[in-house]
Amino acid sequence: MNTLRVLSGAVFAAGVMVVLGGCAATPNAETAVANQATLDNRAPFLPSALFPGSAEQFAAWHCEPAKQNLVTATNTNDLRLWSLHGAWRLPQAVVASGARYQDGEISFWNRGDKALVETPRGQLQCSLAEQRDALTRAVKPGVMFFGQGNEPGWSVALAHDTPTLTMETNYGDERLELPYMVSVMDNEAGRVVIENADVEPFFRVRIDAGACFDNMSGEPFPARVTLTYGGEQYSGCGQGIAP
């Protein structure tokens, strides 16, 4: 996976906003590489902002006063943090109590089920709301990204080795396995768009790094997923799955 780069100077919509980014290649170059991978029948590399790293769990945090909901994944030496506006990685810092992660003037400090997020624009007081085990290849064999949504239940799974999408809709009653091409690959924004161009049946999947919460269970995810298929648009959450 590629290394996340912190983008500073962002503002939360209600006072404090954090932004996370991906790798520093240009979008045009990234798209060309991704499309070459699909032409070579190889799965493209996805932005690392879609993955938990080595973390085994995602945590959801409810924060005040901006009423922001955040998602974190704690690794050995750093913390990955997602807001509604993007994602970033914070190295671990020395602190007398609790766990503090900081890069420049942006920090996340938690003690138990409470956390303090600090940026140049202000502070957020956060409480732990939900935790979820990260998906693994043991749970989803051969899958490098999995997204899902509700009402009606649907899911998409991207194969780890070839540009192949497996889509289930109507609570699993309909199942399709189709090739795809990459139309957008923006590592810096953590954004990917895949589709099948003019081949029928048409579909498009857009993936954006950012805090996402299942609208039934409230479980946290690091990516928002939008599926367009059969004249309908479905919204849900997803996660990259590393080997």
C-alpha atoms as a PDB file:
ATOM      1  CA  MET A   1       0.000   0.000   0.000  1.00  0.00           C
ATOM      2  CA  ASN A   2       1.057   3.570  -0.631  1.00  0.00           C
ATOM      3  CA  THR A   3       1.888   6.077   2.100  1.00  0.00           C
ATOM      4  CA  LEU A   4      -0.762   8.611   3.117  1.00  0.00           C
ATOM      5  CA  ARG A   5       0.220  12.256   3.070  1.00  0.00           C
ATOM      6  CA  VAL A   6      -1.295  14.793   5.455  1.00  0.00           C
ATOM      7  CA  LEU A   7      -2.924  17.800   3.831  1.00  0.00           C
ATOM      8  CA  SER A   8      -3.088  20.740   6.229  1.00  0.00           C
ATOM      9  CA  GLY A   9      -5.126  23.923   6.372  1.00  0.00           C
ATOM     10  CA  ALA A  10      -8.586  22.355   6.021  1.00  0.00           C
ATOM     11  CA  VAL A  11     -11.551  23.402   8.137  1.00  0.00           C
ATOM     12  CA  PHE A  12     -14.434  21.359   9.594  1.00  0.00           C
ATOM     13  CA  ALA A  13     -17.788  22.413   8.160  1.00  0.00           C
ATOM     14  CA  ALA A  14     -18.938  23.572  11.600  1.00  0.00           C
ATOM     15  CA  GLY A  15     -15.621  24.934  12.789  1.00  0.00           C
ATOM     16  CA  VAL A  16     -13.016  22.166  12.465  1.00  0.00           C
ATOM     17  CA  MET A  17     -12.428  20.040   9.360  1.00  0.00           C
ATOM     18  CA  VAL A  18      -9.749  17.449   8.714  1.00  0.00           C
ATOM     19  CA  VAL A  19      -8.564  16.216   5.320  1.00  0.00           C
ATOM     20  CA  LEU A  20      -6.649  13.024   4.564  1.00  0.00           C
ATOM     21  CA  GLY A  21      -4.861  12.346   1.331  1.00  0.00           C
ATOM     22  CA  GLY A  22      -3.281   9.546  -0.650  1.00  0.00           C
ATOM     23  CA  CYS A  23      -0.090   9.305  -2.678  1.00  0.00           C
ATOM     24  CA  ALA A  24       1.508  12.201  -4.467  1.00  0.00           C
ATOM     25  CA  ALA A  25       1.332  11.058  -8.078  1.00  0.00           C
ATOM     26  CA  THR A  26      -0.582  13.207 -10.543  1.00  0.00           C
ATOM     27  CA  PRO A  27      -4.161  12.099 -11.343  1.00  0.00           C
ATOM     28  CA  ASN A  28      -3.410  11.757 -15.065  1.00  0.00           C
ATOM     29  CA  ALA A  29      -0.408   9.534 -14.427  1.00  0.00           C
ATOM     30  CA  GLU A  30      -2.330   7.473 -11.902  1.00  0.00           C
ATOM     31  CA  THR A  31      -5.249   6.966 -14.264  1.00  0.00           C
ATOM     32  CA  ALA A  32      -2.888   5.934 -17.045  1.00  0.00           C
ATOM     33  CA  VAL A  33      -1.180   3.380 -14.801  1.00  0.00           C
ATOM     34  CA  ALA A  34      -4.519   2.031 -13.582  1.00  0.00           C
ATOM     35  CA  ASN A  35      -5.892   1.739 -17.116  1.00  0.00           C
ATOM     36  CA  GLN A  36      -2.705   0.008 -18.254  1.00  0.00           C
ATOM     37  CA  ALA A  37      -3.195  -2.477 -15.405  1.00  0.00           C
ATOM     38  CA  THR A  38      -6.731  -3.232 -16.564  1.00  0.00           C
ATOM     39  CA  LEU A  39      -5.531  -3.600 -20.154  1.00  0.00           C
ATOM     40  CA  ASP A  40      -2.949  -6.089 -18.898  1.00  0.00           C
ATOM     41  CA  ASN A  41      -5.768  -7.900 -17.041  1.00  0.00           C
ATOM     42  CA  ARG A  42      -4.306  -6.969 -13.671  1.00  0.00           C
ATOM     43  CA  ALA A  43      -6.240  -5.405 -10.824  1.00  0.00           C
ATOM     44  CA  PRO A  44      -5.243  -1.756 -10.238  1.00  0.00           C
ATOM     45  CA  PHE A  45      -3.598  -0.522  -7.046  1.00  0.00           C
ATOM     46  CA  LEU A  46      -6.126   1.319  -4.899  1.00  0.00           C
ATOM     47  CA  PRO A  47      -5.398   4.422  -2.755  1.00  0.00           C
ATOM     48  CA  SER A  48      -4.101   3.473   0.674  1.00  0.00           C
ATOM     49  CA  ALA A  49      -6.633   5.860   2.279  1.00  0.00           C
ATOM     50  CA  LEU A  50      -9.224   3.110   1.671  1.00  0.00           C
ATOM     51  CA  PHE A  51      -7.387   0.588   3.872  1.00  0.00           C
ATOM     52  CA  PRO A  52      -6.995   0.175   7.662  1.00  0.00           C
ATOM     53  CA  GLY A  53      -3.282  -0.656   7.502  1.00  0.00           C
ATOM     54  CA  SER A  54      -2.472  -3.370  10.028  1.00  0.00           C
ATOM     55  CA  ALA A  55      -5.332  -2.317  12.330  1.00  0.00           C
ATOM     56  CA  GLU A  56      -7.783  -5.045  13.292  1.00  0.00           C
ATOM     57  CA  GLN A  57     -10.676  -2.709  14.109  1.00  0.00           C
ATOM     58  CA  PHE A  58     -12.362   0.503  13.042  1.00  0.00           C
ATOM     59  CA  ALA A  59     -13.765   2.842  15.696  1.00  0.00           C
ATOM     60  CA  ALA A  60     -16.536   5.426  15.298  1.00  0.00           C
ATOM     61  CA  TRP A  61     -16.381   8.663  17.318  1.00  0.00           C
ATOM     62  CA  HIS A  62     -19.171  11.193  17.896  1.00  0.00           C
ATOM     63  CA  CYS A  63     -17.699  14.659  18.367  1.00  0.00           C
ATOM     64  CA  GLU A  64     -18.786  18.084  19.654  1.00  0.00           C
ATOM     65  CA  PRO A  65     -19.284  20.988  19.177  1.00  0.00           C
ATOM     66  CA  ALA A  66     -19.126  20.526  15.395  1.00  0.00           C
ATOM     67  CA  LYS A  67     -21.297  17.382  15.490  1.00  0.00           C
ATOM     68  CA  GLN A  68     -18.700  15.579  13.414  1.00  0.00           C
ATOM     69  CA  ASN A  69     -18.514  11.791  13.265  1.00  0.00           C
ATOM     70  CA  LEU A  70     -15.014  10.384  12.799  1.00  0.00           C
ATOM     71  CA  VAL A  71     -13.585   6.940  12.046  1.00  0.00           C
ATOM     72  CA  THR A  72     -10.174   5.733  13.244  1.00  0.00           C
ATOM     73  CA  ALA A  73      -7.976   2.672  12.811  1.00  0.00           C
ATOM     74  CA  THR A  74      -5.029   2.287  15.210  1.00  0.00           C
ATOM     75  CA  ASN A  75      -1.804   0.719  13.942  1.00  0.00           C
ATOM     76  CA  THR A  76       1.397  -0.039  15.857  1.00  0.00           C
ATOM     77  CA  ASN A  77       3.039   3.347  15.265  1.00  0.00           C
ATOM     78  CA  ASP A  78       0.319   5.522  13.770  1.00  0.00           C
ATOM     79  CA  LEU A  79      -3.390   6.230  13.593  1.00  0.00           C
ATOM     80  CA  ARG A  80      -5.526   6.533  10.475  1.00  0.00           C
ATOM     81  CA  LEU A  81      -8.322   9.052  10.764  1.00  0.00           C
ATOM     82  CA  TRP A  82     -11.290   9.651   8.451  1.00  0.00           C
ATOM     83  CA  SER A  83     -13.751  12.544   8.560  1.00  0.00           C
ATOM     84  CA  LEU A  84     -16.639  13.371   6.248  1.00  0.00           C
ATOM     85  CA  HIS A  85     -14.127  15.279   4.136  1.00  0.00           C
ATOM     86  CA  GLY A  86     -11.243  12.825   3.689  1.00  0.00           C
ATOM     87  CA  ALA A  87      -8.508  10.972   5.572  1.00  0.00           C
ATOM     88  CA  TRP A  88      -5.006  11.241   7.012  1.00  0.00           C
ATOM     89  CA  ARG A  89      -2.330   9.314   8.908  1.00  0.00           C
ATOM     90  CA  LEU A  90      -0.885  10.600  12.211  1.00  0.00           C
ATOM     91  CA  PRO A  91       2.369   9.192  13.662  1.00  0.00           C
ATOM     92  CA  GLN A  92       2.370   8.248  17.337  1.00  0.00           C
ATOM     93  CA  ALA A  93       3.693  10.915  19.710  1.00  0.00           C
ATOM     94  CA  VAL A  94       5.095  10.679  23.239  1.00  0.00           C
ATOM     95  CA  VAL A  95       2.496  11.444  25.928  1.00  0.00           C
ATOM     96  CA  ALA A  96       2.286  10.891  29.687  1.00  0.00           C
ATOM     97  CA  SER A  97      -1.097   9.158  29.582  1.00  0.00           C
ATOM     98  CA  GLY A  98      -3.430   7.769  26.951  1.00  0.00           C
ATOM     99  CA  ALA A  99      -2.409   7.605  23.293  1.00  0.00           C
ATOM    100  CA  ARG A 100      -1.549  10.675  21.225  1.00  0.00           C
ATOM    101  CA  TYR A 101      -1.021  10.833  17.471  1.00  0.00           C
ATOM    102  CA  GLN A 102       0.202  14.016  15.833  1.00  0.00           C
ATOM    103  CA  ASP A 103       1.459  15.520  12.609  1.00  0.00           C
ATOM    104  CA  GLY A 104       2.262  19.197  12.805  1.00  0.00           C
ATOM    105  CA  GLU A 105      -0.642  21.075  14.420  1.00  0.00           C
ATOM    106  CA  ILE A 106      -3.160  18.272  13.886  1.00  0.00           C
ATOM    107  CA  SER A 107      -3.473  15.689  16.652  1.00  0.00           C
ATOM    108  CA  PHE A 108      -5.738  12.961  18.026  1.00  0.00           C
ATOM    109  CA  TRP A 109      -5.417  12.155  21.742  1.00  0.00           C
ATOM    110  CA  ASN A 110      -7.555   9.449  23.290  1.00  0.00           C
ATOM    111  CA  ARG A 111      -7.862   8.039  26.794  1.00  0.00           C
ATOM    112  CA  GLY A 112     -10.266   5.119  26.986  1.00  0.00           C
ATOM    113  CA  ASP A 113     -13.539   5.985  25.286  1.00  0.00           C
ATOM    114  CA  LYS A 114     -12.814   9.739  25.114  1.00  0.00           C
ATOM    115  CA  ALA A 115     -10.705  11.628  22.574  1.00  0.00           C
ATOM    116  CA  LEU A 116      -9.574  15.161  21.835  1.00  0.00           C
ATOM    117  CA  VAL A 117      -8.951  16.271  18.245  1.00  0.00           C
ATOM    118  CA  GLU A 118      -6.919  19.465  17.844  1.00  0.00           C
ATOM    119  CA  THR A 119      -6.303  21.512  14.696  1.00  0.00           C
ATOM    120  CA  PRO A 120      -5.221  25.128  14.104  1.00  0.00           C
ATOM    121  CA  ARG A 121      -8.937  25.978  13.870  1.00  0.00           C
ATOM    122  CA  GLY A 122     -10.082  24.533  17.193  1.00  0.00           C
ATOM    123  CA  GLN A 123     -10.879  21.395  19.165  1.00  0.00           C
ATOM    124  CA  LEU A 124     -13.346  18.528  19.070  1.00  0.00           C
ATOM    125  CA  GLN A 125     -14.370  16.547  22.142  1.00  0.00           C
ATOM    126  CA  CYS A 126     -15.189  13.003  21.004  1.00  0.00           C
ATOM    127  CA  SER A 127     -16.786   9.904  22.546  1.00  0.00           C
ATOM    128  CA  LEU A 128     -16.377   6.338  21.317  1.00  0.00           C
ATOM    129  CA  ALA A 129     -19.667   5.223  19.768  1.00  0.00           C
ATOM    130  CA  GLU A 130     -19.102   1.951  17.869  1.00  0.00           C
ATOM    131  CA  GLN A 131     -16.382  -0.522  16.905  1.00  0.00           C
ATOM    132  CA  ARG A 132     -16.166  -3.022  14.058  1.00  0.00           C
ATOM    133  CA  ASP A 133     -13.669  -5.726  13.159  1.00  0.00           C
ATOM    134  CA  ALA A 134     -11.883  -4.892   9.904  1.00  0.00           C
ATOM    135  CA  LEU A 135     -12.603  -7.237   7.019  1.00  0.00           C
ATOM    136  CA  THR A 136      -9.732  -9.576   6.137  1.00  0.00           C
ATOM    137  CA  ARG A 137      -8.871 -11.914   3.268  1.00  0.00           C
ATOM    138  CA  ALA A 138      -9.779 -14.796   5.565  1.00  0.00           C
ATOM    139  CA  VAL A 139     -13.336 -13.433   5.680  1.00  0.00           C
ATOM    140  CA  LYS A 140     -13.410 -12.258   2.043  1.00  0.00           C
ATOM    141  CA  PRO A 141     -11.001 -14.510   0.097  1.00  0.00           C
ATOM    142  CA  GLY A 142      -9.605 -12.976  -3.073  1.00  0.00           C
ATOM    143  CA  VAL A 143     -11.236  -9.569  -2.460  1.00  0.00           C
ATOM    144  CA  MET A 144      -9.263  -6.294  -2.316  1.00  0.00           C
ATOM    145  CA  PHE A 145     -12.261  -3.991  -1.792  1.00  0.00           C
ATOM    146  CA  PHE A 146     -15.751  -4.698  -0.469  1.00  0.00           C
ATOM    147  CA  GLY A 147     -18.689  -2.308  -0.369  1.00  0.00           C
ATOM    148  CA  GLN A 148     -22.262  -2.780   0.784  1.00  0.00           C
ATOM    149  CA  GLY A 149     -25.549  -0.992   1.383  1.00  0.00           C
ATOM    150  CA  ASN A 150     -29.127  -1.509   2.490  1.00  0.00           C
ATOM    151  CA  GLU A 151     -32.736  -1.178   1.399  1.00  0.00           C
ATOM    152  CA  PRO A 152     -32.533  -3.245  -0.724  1.00  0.00           C
ATOM    153  CA  GLY A 153     -29.361  -5.042   0.350  1.00  0.00           C
ATOM    154  CA  TRP A 154     -26.498  -4.918  -2.171  1.00  0.00           C
ATOM    155  CA  SER A 155     -22.753  -5.471  -2.289  1.00  0.00           C
ATOM    156  CA  VAL A 156     -19.777  -5.076  -4.614  1.00  0.00           C
ATOM    157  CA  ALA A 157     -16.471  -6.951  -4.379  1.00  0.00           C
ATOM    158  CA  LEU A 158     -13.334  -6.152  -6.414  1.00  0.00           C
ATOM    159  CA  ALA A 159     -11.048  -9.102  -7.059  1.00  0.00           C
ATOM    160  CA  HIS A 160      -7.446  -8.724  -5.874  1.00  0.00           C
ATOM    161  CA  ASP A 161      -5.830 -10.129  -9.022  1.00  0.00           C
ATOM    162  CA  THR A 162      -7.947  -9.158 -12.059  1.00  0.00           C
ATOM    163  CA  PRO A 163     -10.182  -6.150 -12.902  1.00  0.00           C
ATOM    164  CA  THR A 164     -13.321  -8.103 -12.044  1.00  0.00           C
ATOM    165  CA  LEU A 165     -16.325  -6.931 -10.035  1.00  0.00           C
ATOM    166  CA  THR A 166     -18.820  -9.232  -8.341  1.00  0.00           C
ATOM    167  CA  MET A 167     -22.116  -7.484  -7.668  1.00  0.00           C
ATOM    168  CA  GLU A 168     -25.075  -8.741  -5.652  1.00  0.00           C
ATOM    169  CA  THR A 169     -28.389  -6.874  -5.526  1.00  0.00           C
ATOM    170  CA  ASN A 170     -31.869  -7.419  -4.079  1.00  0.00           C
ATOM    171  CA  TYR A 171     -30.465  -9.071  -0.951  1.00  0.00           C
ATOM    172  CA  GLY A 172     -28.393 -11.506  -3.025  1.00  0.00           C
ATOM    173  CA  ASP A 173     -31.159 -12.631  -5.386  1.00  0.00           C
ATOM    174  CA  GLU A 174     -29.212 -11.222  -8.366  1.00  0.00           C
ATOM    175  CA  ARG A 175     -25.497 -11.907  -8.766  1.00  0.00           C
ATOM    176  CA  LEU A 176     -23.237 -10.715 -11.587  1.00  0.00           C
ATOM    177  CA  GLU A 177     -19.502 -11.070 -12.207  1.00  0.00           C
ATOM    178  CA  LEU A 178     -18.254  -8.505 -14.716  1.00  0.00           C
ATOM    179  CA  PRO A 179     -14.975  -6.969 -15.936  1.00  0.00           C
ATOM    180  CA  TYR A 180     -14.403  -3.274 -15.314  1.00  0.00           C
ATOM    181  CA  MET A 181     -12.195  -0.377 -16.394  1.00  0.00           C
ATOM    182  CA  VAL A 182     -10.872   2.474 -14.257  1.00  0.00           C
ATOM    183  CA  SER A 183     -12.176   5.886 -15.328  1.00  0.00           C
ATOM    184  CA  VAL A 184     -10.851   7.854 -12.299  1.00  0.00           C
ATOM    185  CA  MET A 185      -7.926   7.057 -10.002  1.00  0.00           C
ATOM    186  CA  ASP A 186      -7.010   9.951  -7.701  1.00  0.00           C
ATOM    187  CA  ASN A 187      -4.646   8.785  -4.955  1.00  0.00           C
ATOM    188  CA  GLU A 188      -4.366  12.246  -3.409  1.00  0.00           C
ATOM    189  CA  ALA A 189      -8.125  12.491  -2.856  1.00  0.00           C
ATOM    190  CA  GLY A 190      -8.575   8.759  -2.183  1.00  0.00           C
ATOM    191  CA  ARG A 191     -11.080   8.515  -5.032  1.00  0.00           C
ATOM    192  CA  VAL A 192     -11.704   5.702  -7.533  1.00  0.00           C
ATOM    193  CA  VAL A 193     -14.386   5.339 -10.212  1.00  0.00           C
ATOM    194  CA  ILE A 194     -14.804   2.080 -12.124  1.00  0.00           C
ATOM    195  CA  GLU A 195     -17.313   1.186 -14.818  1.00  0.00           C
ATOM    196  CA  ASN A 196     -17.866  -1.087 -17.783  1.00  0.00           C
ATOM    197  CA  ALA A 197     -18.054   1.647 -20.436  1.00  0.00           C
ATOM    198  CA  ASP A 198     -20.582   0.748 -23.156  1.00  0.00           C
ATOM    199  CA  VAL A 199     -20.889  -2.932 -22.294  1.00  0.00           C
ATOM    200  CA  GLU A 200     -24.288  -4.093 -21.039  1.00  0.00           C
ATOM    201  CA  PRO A 201     -25.437  -4.182 -18.327  1.00  0.00           C
ATOM    202  CA  PHE A 202     -23.983  -0.767 -17.492  1.00  0.00           C
ATOM    203  CA  PHE A 203     -22.677  -0.118 -13.990  1.00  0.00           C
ATOM    204  CA  ARG A 204     -20.525   2.481 -12.267  1.00  0.00           C
ATOM    205  CA  VAL A 205     -18.963   2.334  -8.802  1.00  0.00           C
ATOM    206  CA  ARG A 206     -17.549   5.447  -7.163  1.00  0.00           C
ATOM    207  CA  ILE A 207     -15.376   5.044  -4.053  1.00  0.00           C
ATOM    208  CA  ASP A 208     -14.349   8.028  -1.890  1.00  0.00           C
ATOM    209  CA  ALA A 209     -12.121   7.907   1.201  1.00  0.00           C
ATOM    210  CA  GLY A 210     -14.001   9.387   4.151  1.00  0.00           C
ATOM    211  CA  ALA A 211     -15.904   8.462   7.279  1.00  0.00           C
ATOM    212  CA  CYS A 212     -18.951   6.320   6.469  1.00  0.00           C
ATOM    213  CA  PHE A 213     -21.472   4.669   8.752  1.00  0.00           C
ATOM    214  CA  ASP A 214     -23.839   1.829   7.896  1.00  0.00           C
ATOM    215  CA  ASN A 215     -27.325   3.355   7.923  1.00  0.00           C
ATOM    216  CA  MET A 216     -28.777   0.396   9.809  1.00  0.00           C
ATOM    217  CA  SER A 217     -26.057  -0.791  12.206  1.00  0.00           C
ATOM    218  CA  GLY A 218     -24.029   2.428  12.557  1.00  0.00           C
ATOM    219  CA  GLU A 219     -20.813   0.452  11.979  1.00  0.00           C
ATOM    220  CA  PRO A 220     -17.834   2.565  10.809  1.00  0.00           C
ATOM    221  CA  PHE A 221     -16.060   2.303   7.444  1.00  0.00           C
ATOM    222  CA  PRO A 222     -13.251   4.316   5.783  1.00  0.00           C
ATOM    223  CA  ALA A 223     -14.955   4.802   2.405  1.00  0.00           C
ATOM    224  CA  ARG A 224     -18.245   5.902   0.879  1.00  0.00           C
ATOM    225  CA  VAL A 225     -19.466   3.807  -2.061  1.00  0.00           C
ATOM    226  CA  THR A 226     -22.008   4.793  -4.720  1.00  0.00           C
ATOM    227  CA  LEU A 227     -23.271   2.110  -7.105  1.00  0.00           C
ATOM    228  CA  THR A 228     -25.139   3.036 -10.298  1.00  0.00           C
ATOM    229  CA  TYR A 229     -26.858   0.078 -11.918  1.00  0.00           C
ATOM    230  CA  GLY A 230     -30.129  -0.705 -13.686  1.00  0.00           C
ATOM    231  CA  GLY A 231     -31.134   2.950 -13.776  1.00  0.00           C
ATOM    232  CA  GLU A 232     -30.865   3.174  -9.984  1.00  0.00           C
ATOM    233  CA  GLN A 233     -28.271   4.661  -7.635  1.00  0.00           C
ATOM    234  CA  TYR A 234     -27.357   3.009  -4.342  1.00  0.00           C
ATOM    235  CA  SER A 235     -25.279   4.474  -1.495  1.00  0.00           C
ATOM    236  CA  GLY A 236     -23.285   2.554   1.101  1.00  0.00           C
ATOM    237  CA  CYS A 237     -19.918   2.051   2.769  1.00  0.00           C
ATOM    238  CA  GLY A 238     -16.806   0.022   2.043  1.00  0.00           C
ATOM    239  CA  GLN A 239     -13.271  -0.973   2.992  1.00  0.00           C
ATOM    240  CA  GLY A 240     -10.055  -1.972   1.267  1.00  0.00           C
ATOM    241  CA  ILE A 241      -8.780  -5.430   2.236  1.00  0.00           C
ATOM    242  CA  ALA A 242      -5.013  -5.994   2.281  1.00  0.00           C
ATOM    243  CA  PRO A 243      -3.371  -9.437   1.882  1.00  0.00           C
END
